[in-house]
């Protein structure tokens, strides 16, 4: 019975940690950060500016090499 309890507790703890780390990896943030914190305005602006830069660079490259 002790072994079964240990296995169940280990599985639950492993699933909880896996979910925590998986959410953080999916959001591309530090693996040990709080997964429930919403990104700040500065982070959102930085992400959008980075996307805009990449899209613009690809469009310019496409037109110059076309």
Protein backbone atom coordinates (compact mmCIF):
# COMPACT_ATOMS: atom_id res chain seq x y z
CA UNK A 1 0.00 0.00 0.00
CA UNK A 2 2.90 2.37 0.76
CA UNK A 3 4.35 1.71 -2.67
CA UNK A 4 1.05 2.46 -4.42
CA UNK A 5 0.65 5.71 -2.47
CA UNK A 6 4.19 6.71 -3.40
CA UNK A 7 3.58 5.99 -7.07
CA UNK A 8 0.32 7.97 -7.12
CA UNK A 9 1.86 10.95 -5.33
CA UNK A 10 4.88 10.82 -7.64
CA UNK A 11 2.68 10.78 -10.73
CA UNK A 12 0.58 13.70 -9.51
CA UNK A 13 3.66 15.75 -8.61
CA UNK A 14 5.25 14.92 -11.96
CA UNK A 15 2.15 15.93 -13.88
CA UNK A 16 1.88 19.21 -11.98
CA UNK A 17 5.53 20.10 -12.62
CA UNK A 18 5.28 19.01 -16.25
CA UNK A 19 2.25 21.22 -16.78
CA UNK A 20 3.99 24.17 -15.11
CA UNK A 21 7.15 23.78 -17.19
CA UNK A 22 5.19 23.07 -20.38
CA UNK A 23 3.15 26.25 -20.10
CA UNK A 24 6.30 28.29 -19.55
CA UNK A 25 8.08 26.66 -22.47
CA UNK A 26 5.05 27.33 -24.68
CA UNK A 27 5.05 30.99 -23.71
CA UNK A 28 8.83 31.14 -24.26
CA UNK A 29 9.57 32.49 -20.78
CA UNK A 30 11.89 31.32 -18.02
CA UNK A 31 11.02 27.74 -17.10
CA UNK A 32 10.70 28.48 -13.35
CA UNK A 33 8.61 31.65 -13.71
CA UNK A 34 4.99 31.86 -12.58
CA UNK A 35 2.79 30.49 -15.38
CA UNK A 36 -0.26 32.43 -14.16
CA UNK A 37 1.25 35.91 -14.60
CA UNK A 38 0.07 37.69 -17.72
CA UNK A 39 2.80 39.31 -19.82
CA UNK A 40 3.20 43.03 -19.23
CA UNK A 41 2.50 45.78 -21.73
CA UNK A 42 6.20 46.23 -22.44
CA UNK A 43 6.59 42.54 -23.26
CA UNK A 44 3.58 42.62 -25.58
CA UNK A 45 4.89 45.73 -27.38
CA UNK A 46 8.32 44.17 -27.74
CA UNK A 47 6.88 40.97 -29.19
CA UNK A 48 4.73 42.84 -31.71
CA UNK A 49 7.63 45.10 -32.72
CA UNK A 50 9.81 42.04 -33.25
CA UNK A 51 7.14 40.38 -35.39
CA UNK A 52 6.67 43.57 -37.43
CA UNK A 53 10.43 43.82 -37.99
CA UNK A 54 10.67 40.21 -39.16
CA UNK A 55 7.67 40.53 -41.49
CA UNK A 56 9.00 43.76 -42.99
CA UNK A 57 12.47 42.30 -43.48
CA UNK A 58 11.02 39.24 -45.24
CA UNK A 59 8.85 41.41 -47.50
CA UNK A 60 11.80 43.61 -48.47
CA UNK A 61 14.01 40.59 -49.14
CA UNK A 62 11.28 39.02 -51.26
CA UNK A 63 10.84 42.15 -53.36
CA UNK A 64 14.58 42.70 -53.83
CA UNK A 65 15.23 39.09 -54.82
CA UNK A 66 12.13 38.74 -57.00
